[in-house]
């Protein structure tokens, strides 16, 4: 959010009054229009809309992968949608930080959208033989475990802040899925396709991020008990 100051004569575009030479500050929304905080309280922010968009793209990607025998260039289209979905993940976070838009709903939508995107595409890729079931189990199991841990922490009034490991983990997962969708472009190297090497790295980073999160949770919990 940003603000502007206008003084002197009236400005019809912003609805500012110039009576008595009074200067008045009025907030501007990110789209440039005037904003009333009370009126905008129920509006859906652009970062939240991007998270909703990411969720909507998931069934489209899954359908394209599962129906690749019936749809021309299905993997190419799915890869394009996957790239767009991954980009919205970066963009909604960037915009939320830039405009200082933070909310419980926004954090929830972002987390759910990310998990749906990875889990949905992994299930579809496993079905068509482009991903390992064991890798999908580890990646999705990690998300379930961390979500459960967050729920326990919330019940105790403990909040574990996010770390860079979460974004690194997501980046490797997106890369592995994206390369798997485009496997036909590549040849094997060392007995594995590039997406399979990327998937191994994604699994390793996923496990490391889980260990790091559990360690931070333990530290935060000890601190909370000590200060209680």
Protein backbone atom coordinates (compact mmCIF):
# COMPACT_ATOMS: atom_id res chain seq x y z
CA UNK A 1 0.00 0.00 0.00
CA UNK A 2 1.16 3.51 -0.59
CA UNK A 3 -0.07 6.98 0.22
CA UNK A 4 -0.11 10.37 -1.50
CA UNK A 5 -0.53 13.87 -0.14
CA UNK A 6 -2.39 16.52 -2.04
CA UNK A 7 -3.09 20.12 -0.99
CA UNK A 8 -4.63 23.31 -2.34
CA UNK A 9 -7.45 22.92 -4.85
CA UNK A 10 -9.79 19.99 -5.03
CA UNK A 11 -8.66 16.94 -6.96
CA UNK A 12 -11.68 15.19 -8.50
CA UNK A 13 -9.73 12.02 -9.24
CA UNK A 14 -8.96 11.48 -5.56
CA UNK A 15 -11.90 13.28 -4.04
CA UNK A 16 -9.66 15.56 -1.92
CA UNK A 17 -11.02 18.75 -0.46
CA UNK A 18 -8.92 21.94 -0.55
CA UNK A 19 -10.99 23.92 2.00
CA UNK A 20 -8.76 26.10 4.18
CA UNK A 21 -5.66 24.82 2.40
CA UNK A 22 -5.97 21.63 4.45
CA UNK A 23 -3.76 18.73 3.36
CA UNK A 24 -5.16 15.27 3.57
CA UNK A 25 -3.55 11.88 3.12
CA UNK A 26 -5.56 9.22 1.28
CA UNK A 27 -4.51 5.63 0.74
CA UNK A 28 -4.15 4.17 -2.70
CA UNK A 29 -4.72 0.54 -3.53
CA UNK A 30 -2.18 -1.42 -5.52
CA UNK A 31 -4.28 -0.93 -8.66
CA UNK A 32 -4.09 2.87 -8.29
CA UNK A 33 -7.66 3.50 -7.18
CA UNK A 34 -8.63 5.17 -3.92
CA UNK A 35 -9.14 2.84 -1.00
CA UNK A 36 -11.22 2.92 2.15
CA UNK A 37 -9.85 0.38 4.64
CA UNK A 38 -13.31 -0.40 6.00
CA UNK A 39 -14.79 -0.88 2.53
CA UNK A 40 -11.85 -2.98 1.38
CA UNK A 41 -11.92 -5.26 4.42
CA UNK A 42 -13.89 -7.96 2.60
CA UNK A 43 -12.10 -7.66 -0.74
CA UNK A 44 -9.96 -10.49 -2.08
CA UNK A 45 -6.38 -9.33 -2.53
CA UNK A 46 -4.39 -10.02 -5.68
CA UNK A 47 -2.01 -12.44 -3.87
CA UNK A 48 -5.03 -14.44 -2.68
CA UNK A 49 -6.46 -14.45 -6.21
CA UNK A 50 -3.15 -15.84 -7.47
CA UNK A 51 -3.35 -18.62 -4.88
CA UNK A 52 -6.89 -19.43 -6.05
CA UNK A 53 -5.61 -19.47 -9.63
CA UNK A 54 -2.91 -21.95 -8.66
CA UNK A 55 -5.54 -24.24 -7.16
CA UNK A 56 -7.67 -24.03 -10.31
CA UNK A 57 -4.69 -25.00 -12.48
CA UNK A 58 -4.10 -28.24 -10.54
CA UNK A 59 -7.03 -30.28 -11.95
CA UNK A 60 -6.23 -28.99 -15.44
CA UNK A 61 -2.62 -30.23 -15.18
CA UNK A 62 -3.71 -33.58 -13.73
CA UNK A 63 -6.31 -34.07 -16.48
CA UNK A 64 -3.79 -33.29 -19.22
CA UNK A 65 -1.27 -35.79 -17.83
CA UNK A 66 -3.83 -38.56 -17.43
CA UNK A 67 -5.38 -37.95 -20.87
CA UNK A 68 -2.16 -37.43 -22.84
CA UNK A 69 -3.17 -40.23 -25.25
CA UNK A 70 -6.28 -38.30 -26.24
CA UNK A 71 -5.04 -34.70 -26.21
CA UNK A 72 -2.37 -33.46 -28.59
CA UNK A 73 0.67 -31.88 -26.95
CA UNK A 74 -0.85 -32.63 -23.55
CA UNK A 75 2.50 -32.74 -21.77
CA UNK A 76 3.59 -29.47 -23.36
CA UNK A 77 0.38 -27.75 -22.28
CA UNK A 78 0.66 -29.25 -18.81
CA UNK A 79 4.27 -28.06 -18.55
CA UNK A 80 3.19 -24.54 -19.54
CA UNK A 81 0.47 -24.55 -16.89
CA UNK A 82 2.92 -25.92 -14.34
CA UNK A 83 5.35 -23.12 -15.10
CA UNK A 84 2.55 -20.57 -14.77
CA UNK A 85 1.44 -22.07 -11.46
CA UNK A 86 4.98 -22.05 -10.08
CA UNK A 87 5.35 -18.43 -11.18
CA UNK A 88 2.17 -17.44 -9.31
CA UNK A 89 3.68 -19.01 -6.20
CA UNK A 90 6.62 -16.62 -6.43
CA UNK A 91 4.48 -13.68 -7.53
CA UNK A 92 1.88 -13.82 -4.77
CA UNK A 93 4.63 -13.92 -2.14
CA UNK A 94 6.46 -11.03 -3.80
CA UNK A 95 3.33 -8.89 -4.02
CA UNK A 96 2.27 -9.71 -0.46
CA UNK A 97 5.65 -8.56 0.83
CA UNK A 98 5.77 -5.49 -1.43
CA UNK A 99 2.29 -4.31 -0.49
CA UNK A 100 2.51 -5.53 3.12
CA UNK A 101 -0.55 -7.71 2.65
CA UNK A 102 -0.54 -10.41 5.31
CA UNK A 103 -3.48 -12.39 6.62
CA UNK A 104 -4.28 -15.77 8.09
CA UNK A 105 -6.40 -16.54 5.03
CA UNK A 106 -3.58 -15.61 2.67
CA UNK A 107 -1.07 -17.82 4.46
CA UNK A 108 -3.59 -20.69 4.46
CA UNK A 109 -4.39 -20.32 0.75
CA UNK A 110 -0.72 -20.15 -0.22
CA UNK A 111 0.13 -23.29 1.75
CA UNK A 112 -2.85 -25.28 0.47
CA UNK A 113 -2.26 -24.21 -3.14
CA UNK A 114 1.39 -25.29 -3.01
CA UNK A 115 0.57 -28.69 -1.53
CA UNK A 116 -2.27 -29.34 -3.97
CA UNK A 117 -0.04 -28.44 -6.91
CA UNK A 118 2.80 -30.77 -5.91
CA UNK A 119 0.62 -33.63 -4.67
CA UNK A 120 -1.76 -33.53 -7.62
CA UNK A 121 0.92 -33.52 -10.28
CA UNK A 122 2.93 -36.22 -8.47
CA UNK A 123 -0.09 -38.51 -8.30
CA UNK A 124 -0.72 -38.02 -12.02
CA UNK A 125 2.95 -38.54 -12.94
CA UNK A 126 3.10 -41.72 -10.85
CA UNK A 127 0.04 -43.00 -12.69
CA UNK A 128 1.71 -42.58 -16.10
CA UNK A 129 5.10 -43.84 -14.96
CA UNK A 130 6.94 -40.52 -14.93
CA UNK A 131 7.51 -40.35 -11.18
CA UNK A 132 8.44 -42.84 -8.47
CA UNK A 133 5.77 -43.75 -5.95
CA UNK A 134 8.34 -43.82 -3.13
CA UNK A 135 9.41 -40.27 -3.95
CA UNK A 136 5.81 -39.11 -3.94
CA UNK A 137 5.25 -40.83 -0.60
CA UNK A 138 8.21 -39.07 1.02
CA UNK A 139 7.31 -35.65 -0.38
CA UNK A 140 3.62 -35.85 0.49
CA UNK A 141 4.32 -37.55 3.81
CA UNK A 142 6.58 -34.67 4.76
CA UNK A 143 3.82 -32.17 4.05
CA UNK A 144 1.32 -34.12 6.15
CA UNK A 145 3.77 -34.42 9.04
CA UNK A 146 4.65 -30.72 9.02
CA UNK A 147 0.98 -29.73 8.75
CA UNK A 148 0.20 -31.90 11.76
CA UNK A 149 3.09 -30.38 13.68
CA UNK A 150 1.86 -26.88 12.89
CA UNK A 151 -1.57 -27.84 14.18
CA UNK A 152 -0.09 -29.08 17.46
CA UNK A 153 2.00 -25.93 17.75
CA UNK A 154 -1.06 -23.75 17.13
CA UNK A 155 -2.99 -25.50 19.90
CA UNK A 156 -0.12 -24.69 22.29
CA UNK A 157 -0.01 -21.11 21.07
CA UNK A 158 3.42 -21.65 19.53
CA UNK A 159 4.29 -20.22 16.12
CA UNK A 160 7.25 -21.56 14.15
CA UNK A 161 8.39 -18.96 11.59
CA UNK A 162 9.08 -20.11 8.01
CA UNK A 163 12.63 -20.53 6.75
CA UNK A 164 14.41 -20.48 3.40
CA UNK A 165 14.35 -24.29 3.38
CA UNK A 166 10.65 -24.25 2.53
CA UNK A 167 11.19 -22.21 -0.63
CA UNK A 168 14.25 -24.26 -1.64
CA UNK A 169 12.25 -27.45 -1.18
CA UNK A 170 9.37 -26.12 -3.27
CA UNK A 171 11.76 -24.97 -5.99
CA UNK A 172 13.32 -28.42 -6.39
CA UNK A 173 9.91 -30.08 -6.38
CA UNK A 174 8.60 -27.74 -9.07
CA UNK A 175 11.73 -28.33 -11.15
CA UNK A 176 11.44 -32.12 -10.89
CA UNK A 177 7.78 -32.06 -11.89
CA UNK A 178 8.39 -29.63 -14.75
CA UNK A 179 11.21 -31.77 -16.17
CA UNK A 180 9.10 -34.92 -15.80
CA UNK A 181 6.39 -33.33 -17.92
CA UNK A 182 9.00 -32.63 -20.61
CA UNK A 183 10.87 -35.94 -20.29
CA UNK A 184 10.49 -36.60 -24.02
CA UNK A 185 12.95 -33.80 -24.77
CA UNK A 186 15.81 -35.43 -22.88
CA UNK A 187 17.94 -38.55 -22.99
CA UNK A 188 19.12 -40.63 -20.06
CA UNK A 189 22.31 -39.60 -18.28
CA UNK A 190 23.89 -42.05 -15.87
CA UNK A 191 20.93 -44.39 -16.23
CA UNK A 192 18.35 -41.78 -15.25
CA UNK A 193 16.46 -38.98 -16.95
CA UNK A 194 17.18 -35.39 -15.82
CA UNK A 195 13.81 -35.21 -14.07
CA UNK A 196 14.68 -38.34 -12.07
CA UNK A 197 17.94 -36.80 -10.90
CA UNK A 198 16.00 -33.66 -10.00
CA UNK A 199 13.45 -35.77 -8.14
CA UNK A 200 16.19 -37.39 -6.07
CA UNK A 201 17.49 -33.93 -5.16
CA UNK A 202 13.94 -32.83 -4.35
CA UNK A 203 13.50 -35.79 -2.00
CA UNK A 204 16.82 -35.08 -0.26
CA UNK A 205 15.98 -31.40 0.21
CA UNK A 206 12.47 -32.33 1.35
CA UNK A 207 13.84 -34.60 4.06
CA UNK A 208 16.43 -32.02 5.13
CA UNK A 209 13.78 -29.32 5.33
CA UNK A 210 11.63 -31.57 7.52
CA UNK A 211 14.55 -32.25 9.88
CA UNK A 212 15.32 -28.53 10.03
CA UNK A 213 11.67 -27.69 10.75
CA UNK A 214 11.39 -30.27 13.54
CA UNK A 215 14.61 -28.92 15.09
CA UNK A 216 13.33 -25.34 15.00
CA UNK A 217 10.00 -26.45 16.43
CA UNK A 218 11.78 -28.13 19.34
CA UNK A 219 13.81 -24.98 20.03
CA UNK A 220 10.77 -22.71 19.87
CA UNK A 221 8.80 -25.06 22.12
CA UNK A 222 11.59 -25.15 24.70
CA UNK A 223 11.82 -21.36 24.64
CA UNK A 224 8.07 -21.01 25.08
CA UNK A 225 8.07 -23.39 28.05
CA UNK A 226 11.01 -21.62 29.64
CA UNK A 227 9.39 -18.17 29.34
CA UNK A 228 5.98 -19.45 30.51
